[in-house]
Amino acid sequence: MRDLREERTLGQLFGQLSEDVGLLVRQEAQLAKAEMQAKLSRSITDLVSLAAGGIVALIGALALTAAIVLLLVHPVGLDPWLAALLVGGILAIAGFVMLRGGLRDLKRVDPAPRRAVENIKEDIQMMKERRP
């Protein structure tokens, strides 16, 4: 009995290879799309966290500034401008630390679809090795 590979013509083999490469490219494109969506989702989460940190820092600064400034003015006896300066500086530093943390997390996200690129490179190498 003859082997099945011997019965297929060169044209049929190239036709099958073309179909396989087309399927492979579509699958890799789907993988790249899924990977980019996951990274976009992570970036959005980080941006929301960054914005929330900024808003919380602002609200906290406003509320605490008024309370602490009043506390420093009356019982302690500081001039109002000096009390406001001290409290504002401390809250600004706290807000900066929160924003810096959010930016650091955002910078860690790699937007490139690394897995898809590696898979495509491997697929190309495999096709080169399979050539007759």
N, C-alpha and C. Protein backbone atom coordinates (compact mmCIF):
# COMPACT_ATOMS: atom_id res chain seq x y z
N MET A 1 0.83 -1.17 0.00
CA MET A 1 0.00 0.00 0.00
C MET A 1 0.88 1.25 0.00
N ARG A 2 0.50 2.22 -0.78
CA ARG A 2 1.29 3.45 -0.88
C ARG A 2 0.96 4.38 0.27
N ASP A 3 1.96 5.11 0.67
CA ASP A 3 1.80 6.10 1.74
C ASP A 3 0.91 7.24 1.26
N LEU A 4 0.09 7.80 2.14
CA LEU A 4 -0.82 8.88 1.79
C LEU A 4 -0.06 10.10 1.29
N ARG A 5 1.08 10.36 1.85
CA ARG A 5 1.87 11.52 1.44
C ARG A 5 2.33 11.38 -0.01
N GLU A 6 2.59 10.19 -0.45
CA GLU A 6 3.05 9.98 -1.82
C GLU A 6 1.93 10.24 -2.83
N GLU A 7 0.71 10.10 -2.43
CA GLU A 7 -0.42 10.27 -3.34
C GLU A 7 -0.81 11.73 -3.51
N ARG A 8 -0.38 12.60 -2.63
CA ARG A 8 -0.74 14.01 -2.72
C ARG A 8 0.23 14.73 -3.65
N THR A 9 -0.31 15.61 -4.46
CA THR A 9 0.55 16.34 -5.39
C THR A 9 1.19 17.53 -4.67
N LEU A 10 2.18 18.08 -5.31
CA LEU A 10 2.86 19.24 -4.76
C LEU A 10 1.88 20.40 -4.62
N GLY A 11 1.00 20.57 -5.58
CA GLY A 11 -0.01 21.62 -5.53
C GLY A 11 -0.94 21.44 -4.34
N GLN A 12 -1.32 20.19 -4.07
CA GLN A 12 -2.18 19.92 -2.92
C GLN A 12 -1.45 20.23 -1.61
N LEU A 13 -0.18 19.88 -1.57
CA LEU A 13 0.60 20.16 -0.37
C LEU A 13 0.70 21.67 -0.12
N PHE A 14 0.98 22.43 -1.19
CA PHE A 14 1.06 23.87 -1.03
C PHE A 14 -0.30 24.47 -0.68
N GLY A 15 -1.36 23.91 -1.24
CA GLY A 15 -2.70 24.36 -0.90
C GLY A 15 -3.00 24.14 0.58
N GLN A 16 -2.63 22.96 1.08
CA GLN A 16 -2.84 22.66 2.50
C GLN A 16 -1.98 23.57 3.38
N LEU A 17 -0.74 23.79 2.94
CA LEU A 17 0.15 24.68 3.69
C LEU A 17 -0.43 26.10 3.74
N SER A 18 -0.97 26.55 2.62
CA SER A 18 -1.57 27.88 2.56
C SER A 18 -2.76 27.98 3.52
N GLU A 19 -3.59 26.96 3.55
CA GLU A 19 -4.72 26.95 4.48
C GLU A 19 -4.24 26.94 5.93
N ASP A 20 -3.22 26.13 6.20
CA ASP A 20 -2.69 26.05 7.57
C ASP A 20 -2.08 27.38 8.02
N VAL A 21 -1.35 28.02 7.12
CA VAL A 21 -0.75 29.31 7.46
C VAL A 21 -1.84 30.36 7.69
N GLY A 22 -2.87 30.36 6.86
CA GLY A 22 -3.98 31.29 7.04
C GLY A 22 -4.66 31.09 8.38
N LEU A 23 -4.92 29.84 8.74
CA LEU A 23 -5.53 29.54 10.03
C LEU A 23 -4.62 29.98 11.17
N LEU A 24 -3.35 29.70 11.03
CA LEU A 24 -2.38 30.07 12.05
C LEU A 24 -2.31 31.59 12.24
N VAL A 25 -2.32 32.32 11.15
CA VAL A 25 -2.27 33.79 11.23
C VAL A 25 -3.53 34.31 11.91
N ARG A 26 -4.69 33.76 11.58
CA ARG A 26 -5.94 34.20 12.23
C ARG A 26 -5.90 33.91 13.73
N GLN A 27 -5.41 32.73 14.10
CA GLN A 27 -5.33 32.38 15.52
C GLN A 27 -4.36 33.29 16.26
N GLU A 28 -3.24 33.61 15.64
CA GLU A 28 -2.26 34.50 16.27
C GLU A 28 -2.83 35.91 16.39
N ALA A 29 -3.59 36.35 15.40
CA ALA A 29 -4.22 37.67 15.48
C ALA A 29 -5.24 37.70 16.63
N GLN A 30 -5.98 36.62 16.81
CA GLN A 30 -6.93 36.54 17.92
C GLN A 30 -6.20 36.57 19.26
N LEU A 31 -5.07 35.87 19.34
CA LEU A 31 -4.26 35.88 20.57
C LEU A 31 -3.73 37.28 20.86
N ALA A 32 -3.24 37.95 19.83
CA ALA A 32 -2.73 39.31 20.02
C ALA A 32 -3.85 40.24 20.46
N LYS A 33 -5.02 40.10 19.89
CA LYS A 33 -6.16 40.93 20.27
C LYS A 33 -6.53 40.68 21.73
N ALA A 34 -6.59 39.42 22.14
CA ALA A 34 -6.93 39.09 23.53
C ALA A 34 -5.88 39.64 24.49
N GLU A 35 -4.62 39.53 24.11
CA GLU A 35 -3.54 40.02 24.96
C GLU A 35 -3.60 41.55 25.09
N MET A 36 -3.89 42.24 24.00
CA MET A 36 -3.99 43.69 24.04
C MET A 36 -5.20 44.13 24.88
N GLN A 37 -6.31 43.38 24.78
CA GLN A 37 -7.48 43.72 25.58
C GLN A 37 -7.19 43.55 27.06
N ALA A 38 -6.47 42.50 27.42
CA ALA A 38 -6.12 42.29 28.83
C ALA A 38 -5.22 43.41 29.33
N LYS A 39 -4.27 43.83 28.52
CA LYS A 39 -3.37 44.90 28.93
C LYS A 39 -4.10 46.24 29.00
N LEU A 40 -5.03 46.46 28.08
CA LEU A 40 -5.82 47.69 28.12
C LEU A 40 -6.68 47.73 29.38
N SER A 41 -7.27 46.59 29.71
CA SER A 41 -8.08 46.51 30.91
C SER A 41 -7.25 46.82 32.15
N ARG A 42 -6.04 46.28 32.20
CA ARG A 42 -5.15 46.54 33.33
C ARG A 42 -4.77 48.02 33.38
N SER A 43 -4.52 48.61 32.23
CA SER A 43 -4.16 50.03 32.18
C SER A 43 -5.32 50.91 32.65
N ILE A 44 -6.53 50.55 32.26
CA ILE A 44 -7.69 51.31 32.70
C ILE A 44 -7.84 51.22 34.21
N THR A 45 -7.65 50.02 34.75
CA THR A 45 -7.71 49.84 36.20
C THR A 45 -6.67 50.71 36.90
N ASP A 46 -5.46 50.74 36.36
CA ASP A 46 -4.40 51.56 36.95
C ASP A 46 -4.73 53.05 36.84
N LEU A 47 -5.30 53.47 35.72
CA LEU A 47 -5.67 54.88 35.56
C LEU A 47 -6.79 55.27 36.53
N VAL A 48 -7.75 54.38 36.71
CA VAL A 48 -8.82 54.66 37.68
C VAL A 48 -8.22 54.77 39.08
N SER A 49 -7.30 53.88 39.40
CA SER A 49 -6.64 53.93 40.71
C SER A 49 -5.87 55.24 40.87
N LEU A 50 -5.21 55.64 39.83
CA LEU A 50 -4.46 56.90 39.85
C LEU A 50 -5.39 58.09 40.06
N ALA A 51 -6.49 58.12 39.33
CA ALA A 51 -7.45 59.22 39.47
C ALA A 51 -8.08 59.20 40.87
N ALA A 52 -8.43 58.02 41.34
CA ALA A 52 -9.03 57.92 42.67
C ALA A 52 -8.05 58.40 43.74
N GLY A 53 -6.78 58.04 43.59
CA GLY A 53 -5.77 58.52 44.53
C GLY A 53 -5.66 60.03 44.53
N GLY A 54 -5.73 60.62 43.35
CA GLY A 54 -5.67 62.07 43.25
C GLY A 54 -6.88 62.74 43.88
N ILE A 55 -8.05 62.18 43.64
CA ILE A 55 -9.27 62.75 44.21
C ILE A 55 -9.28 62.61 45.73
N VAL A 56 -8.91 61.43 46.22
CA VAL A 56 -8.86 61.22 47.67
C VAL A 56 -7.85 62.17 48.31
N ALA A 57 -6.73 62.34 47.68
CA ALA A 57 -5.72 63.25 48.22
C ALA A 57 -6.26 64.69 48.26
N LEU A 58 -6.97 65.08 47.23
CA LEU A 58 -7.53 66.43 47.19
C LEU A 58 -8.60 66.63 48.26
N ILE A 59 -9.53 65.69 48.36
CA ILE A 59 -10.59 65.81 49.36
C ILE A 59 -10.00 65.79 50.76
N GLY A 60 -9.09 64.91 50.98
CA GLY A 60 -8.44 64.85 52.29
C GLY A 60 -7.69 66.13 52.61
N ALA A 61 -7.04 66.65 51.62
CA ALA A 61 -6.29 67.89 51.83
C ALA A 61 -7.21 69.04 52.18
N LEU A 62 -8.33 69.10 51.51
CA LEU A 62 -9.28 70.19 51.79
C LEU A 62 -9.87 70.09 53.20
N ALA A 63 -10.32 68.91 53.55
CA ALA A 63 -10.96 68.74 54.86
C ALA A 63 -9.96 68.90 56.00
N LEU A 64 -8.84 68.23 55.88
CA LEU A 64 -7.85 68.30 56.95
C LEU A 64 -7.18 69.66 57.04
N THR A 65 -7.03 70.30 55.92
CA THR A 65 -6.42 71.63 55.94
C THR A 65 -7.23 72.58 56.81
N ALA A 66 -8.52 72.57 56.59
CA ALA A 66 -9.37 73.48 57.37
C ALA A 66 -9.30 73.14 58.86
N ALA A 67 -9.41 71.86 59.18
CA ALA A 67 -9.42 71.47 60.59
C ALA A 67 -8.07 71.70 61.26
N ILE A 68 -7.03 71.32 60.62
CA ILE A 68 -5.71 71.44 61.25
C ILE A 68 -5.26 72.90 61.31
N VAL A 69 -5.57 73.65 60.27
CA VAL A 69 -5.21 75.07 60.29
C VAL A 69 -5.90 75.75 61.47
N LEU A 70 -7.18 75.47 61.65
CA LEU A 70 -7.90 76.05 62.78
C LEU A 70 -7.31 75.61 64.11
N LEU A 71 -6.90 74.37 64.17
CA LEU A 71 -6.29 73.85 65.39
C LEU A 71 -4.95 74.55 65.68
N LEU A 72 -4.17 74.77 64.65
CA LEU A 72 -2.86 75.41 64.83
C LEU A 72 -2.98 76.90 65.10
N VAL A 73 -4.04 77.51 64.60
CA VAL A 73 -4.20 78.96 64.79
C VAL A 73 -4.63 79.27 66.22
N HIS A 74 -5.69 78.61 66.69
CA HIS A 74 -6.24 79.00 68.00
C HIS A 74 -5.49 78.41 69.19
N PRO A 75 -5.45 77.11 69.39
CA PRO A 75 -4.76 76.63 70.60
C PRO A 75 -3.24 76.83 70.55
N VAL A 76 -2.62 76.61 69.39
CA VAL A 76 -1.16 76.70 69.31
C VAL A 76 -0.72 78.16 69.20
N GLY A 77 -1.47 78.95 68.47
CA GLY A 77 -1.15 80.37 68.36
C GLY A 77 -0.34 80.74 67.14
N LEU A 78 -0.25 79.87 66.13
CA LEU A 78 0.46 80.23 64.89
C LEU A 78 -0.35 81.24 64.10
N ASP A 79 0.35 82.01 63.29
CA ASP A 79 -0.36 82.88 62.36
C ASP A 79 -1.12 82.01 61.37
N PRO A 80 -2.29 82.45 60.91
CA PRO A 80 -3.08 81.63 59.98
C PRO A 80 -2.33 81.24 58.71
N TRP A 81 -1.55 82.16 58.15
CA TRP A 81 -0.83 81.83 56.91
C TRP A 81 0.21 80.75 57.14
N LEU A 82 0.88 80.77 58.29
CA LEU A 82 1.91 79.76 58.59
C LEU A 82 1.26 78.41 58.84
N ALA A 83 0.15 78.39 59.54
CA ALA A 83 -0.56 77.13 59.79
C ALA A 83 -1.04 76.52 58.47
N ALA A 84 -1.60 77.34 57.60
CA ALA A 84 -2.07 76.86 56.30
C ALA A 84 -0.90 76.35 55.45
N LEU A 85 0.23 77.01 55.49
CA LEU A 85 1.41 76.59 54.74
C LEU A 85 1.92 75.23 55.20
N LEU A 86 2.03 75.05 56.50
CA LEU A 86 2.51 73.77 57.05
C LEU A 86 1.59 72.62 56.67
N VAL A 87 0.31 72.80 56.92
CA VAL A 87 -0.65 71.73 56.63
C VAL A 87 -0.73 71.45 55.14
N GLY A 88 -0.78 72.48 54.33
CA GLY A 88 -0.83 72.30 52.87
C GLY A 88 0.39 71.56 52.34
N GLY A 89 1.56 71.87 52.87
CA GLY A 89 2.78 71.19 52.44
C GLY A 89 2.76 69.71 52.76
N ILE A 90 2.33 69.38 53.95
CA ILE A 90 2.27 67.97 54.35
C ILE A 90 1.28 67.19 53.49
N LEU A 91 0.10 67.75 53.25
CA LEU A 91 -0.90 67.07 52.43
C LEU A 91 -0.46 66.97 50.97
N ALA A 92 0.23 67.96 50.48
CA ALA A 92 0.74 67.90 49.11
C ALA A 92 1.74 66.76 48.96
N ILE A 93 2.57 66.56 49.95
CA ILE A 93 3.54 65.46 49.91
C ILE A 93 2.81 64.11 49.92
N ALA A 94 1.81 63.98 50.76
CA ALA A 94 1.05 62.73 50.82
C ALA A 94 0.37 62.44 49.48
N GLY A 95 -0.22 63.45 48.86
CA GLY A 95 -0.85 63.26 47.56
C GLY A 95 0.15 62.90 46.49
N PHE A 96 1.33 63.51 46.55
CA PHE A 96 2.39 63.19 45.59
C PHE A 96 2.81 61.73 45.70
N VAL A 97 2.94 61.23 46.91
CA VAL A 97 3.32 59.83 47.11
C VAL A 97 2.26 58.90 46.50
N MET A 98 0.99 59.21 46.71
CA MET A 98 -0.08 58.39 46.14
C MET A 98 -0.05 58.42 44.60
N LEU A 99 0.11 59.59 44.03
CA LEU A 99 0.15 59.70 42.57
C LEU A 99 1.37 59.00 41.99
N ARG A 100 2.49 59.11 42.65
CA ARG A 100 3.71 58.44 42.18
C ARG A 100 3.53 56.92 42.17
N GLY A 101 2.87 56.39 43.18
CA GLY A 101 2.60 54.95 43.22
C GLY A 101 1.72 54.52 42.05
N GLY A 102 0.70 55.29 41.74
CA GLY A 102 -0.16 54.97 40.61
C GLY A 102 0.59 55.03 39.29
N LEU A 103 1.43 56.04 39.13
CA LEU A 103 2.23 56.14 37.90
C LEU A 103 3.22 55.00 37.77
N ARG A 104 3.83 54.60 38.88
CA ARG A 104 4.76 53.48 38.86
C ARG A 104 4.05 52.21 38.39
N ASP A 105 2.85 51.95 38.91
CA ASP A 105 2.10 50.77 38.50
C ASP A 105 1.71 50.85 37.03
N LEU A 106 1.36 52.03 36.57
CA LEU A 106 0.97 52.21 35.18
C LEU A 106 2.16 51.98 34.24
N LYS A 107 3.34 52.38 34.64
CA LYS A 107 4.53 52.19 33.80
C LYS A 107 4.92 50.72 33.68
N ARG A 108 4.50 49.89 34.60
CA ARG A 108 4.83 48.46 34.55
C ARG A 108 4.09 47.72 33.45
N VAL A 109 3.01 48.27 32.94
CA VAL A 109 2.22 47.61 31.92
C VAL A 109 2.94 47.70 30.59
N ASP A 110 3.20 46.55 29.99
CA ASP A 110 3.84 46.48 28.69
C ASP A 110 2.75 46.35 27.63
N PRO A 111 2.56 47.37 26.78
CA PRO A 111 1.45 47.34 25.84
C PRO A 111 1.64 46.38 24.66
N ALA A 112 2.85 45.92 24.43
CA ALA A 112 3.11 45.06 23.27
C ALA A 112 2.58 43.64 23.53
N PRO A 113 2.00 43.01 22.50
CA PRO A 113 1.53 41.63 22.64
C PRO A 113 2.70 40.64 22.53
N ARG A 114 3.49 40.55 23.56
CA ARG A 114 4.73 39.75 23.53
C ARG A 114 4.50 38.28 23.20
N ARG A 115 3.49 37.67 23.82
CA ARG A 115 3.24 36.24 23.55
C ARG A 115 2.89 36.00 22.10
N ALA A 116 2.05 36.85 21.54
CA ALA A 116 1.65 36.68 20.15
C ALA A 116 2.84 36.85 19.22
N VAL A 117 3.70 37.83 19.49
CA VAL A 117 4.88 38.05 18.66
C VAL A 117 5.81 36.84 18.73
N GLU A 118 6.02 36.32 19.92
CA GLU A 118 6.88 35.14 20.07
C GLU A 118 6.28 33.94 19.34
N ASN A 119 4.97 33.75 19.44
CA ASN A 119 4.32 32.64 18.76
C ASN A 119 4.45 32.77 17.25
N ILE A 120 4.30 33.99 16.75
CA ILE A 120 4.44 34.19 15.30
C ILE A 120 5.86 33.89 14.86
N LYS A 121 6.85 34.31 15.63
CA LYS A 121 8.25 34.01 15.29
C LYS A 121 8.48 32.51 15.26
N GLU A 122 7.94 31.81 16.26
CA GLU A 122 8.09 30.35 16.30
C GLU A 122 7.40 29.70 15.11
N ASP A 123 6.22 30.21 14.75
CA ASP A 123 5.49 29.65 13.61
C ASP A 123 6.26 29.85 12.31
N ILE A 124 6.84 31.03 12.14
CA ILE A 124 7.62 31.31 10.93
C ILE A 124 8.83 30.38 10.87
N GLN A 125 9.49 30.21 12.01
CA GLN A 125 10.66 29.33 12.05
C GLN A 125 10.24 27.89 11.73
N MET A 126 9.10 27.46 12.26
CA MET A 126 8.62 26.10 12.00
C MET A 126 8.30 25.92 10.51
N MET A 127 7.70 26.94 9.88
CA MET A 127 7.37 26.84 8.46
C MET A 127 8.63 26.79 7.62
N LYS A 128 9.65 27.54 8.03
CA LYS A 128 10.92 27.50 7.29
C LYS A 128 11.55 26.12 7.36
N GLU A 129 11.46 25.50 8.52
CA GLU A 129 12.05 24.16 8.70
C GLU A 129 11.27 23.09 7.95
N ARG A 130 9.99 23.29 7.70
CA ARG A 130 9.14 22.29 7.04
C ARG A 130 9.20 22.38 5.53
N ARG A 131 9.78 23.42 4.99
CA ARG A 131 9.82 23.58 3.53
C ARG A 131 10.52 22.39 2.89
N PRO A 132 9.97 21.96 1.72
CA PRO A 132 10.63 20.84 1.02
C PRO A 132 11.91 21.24 0.35
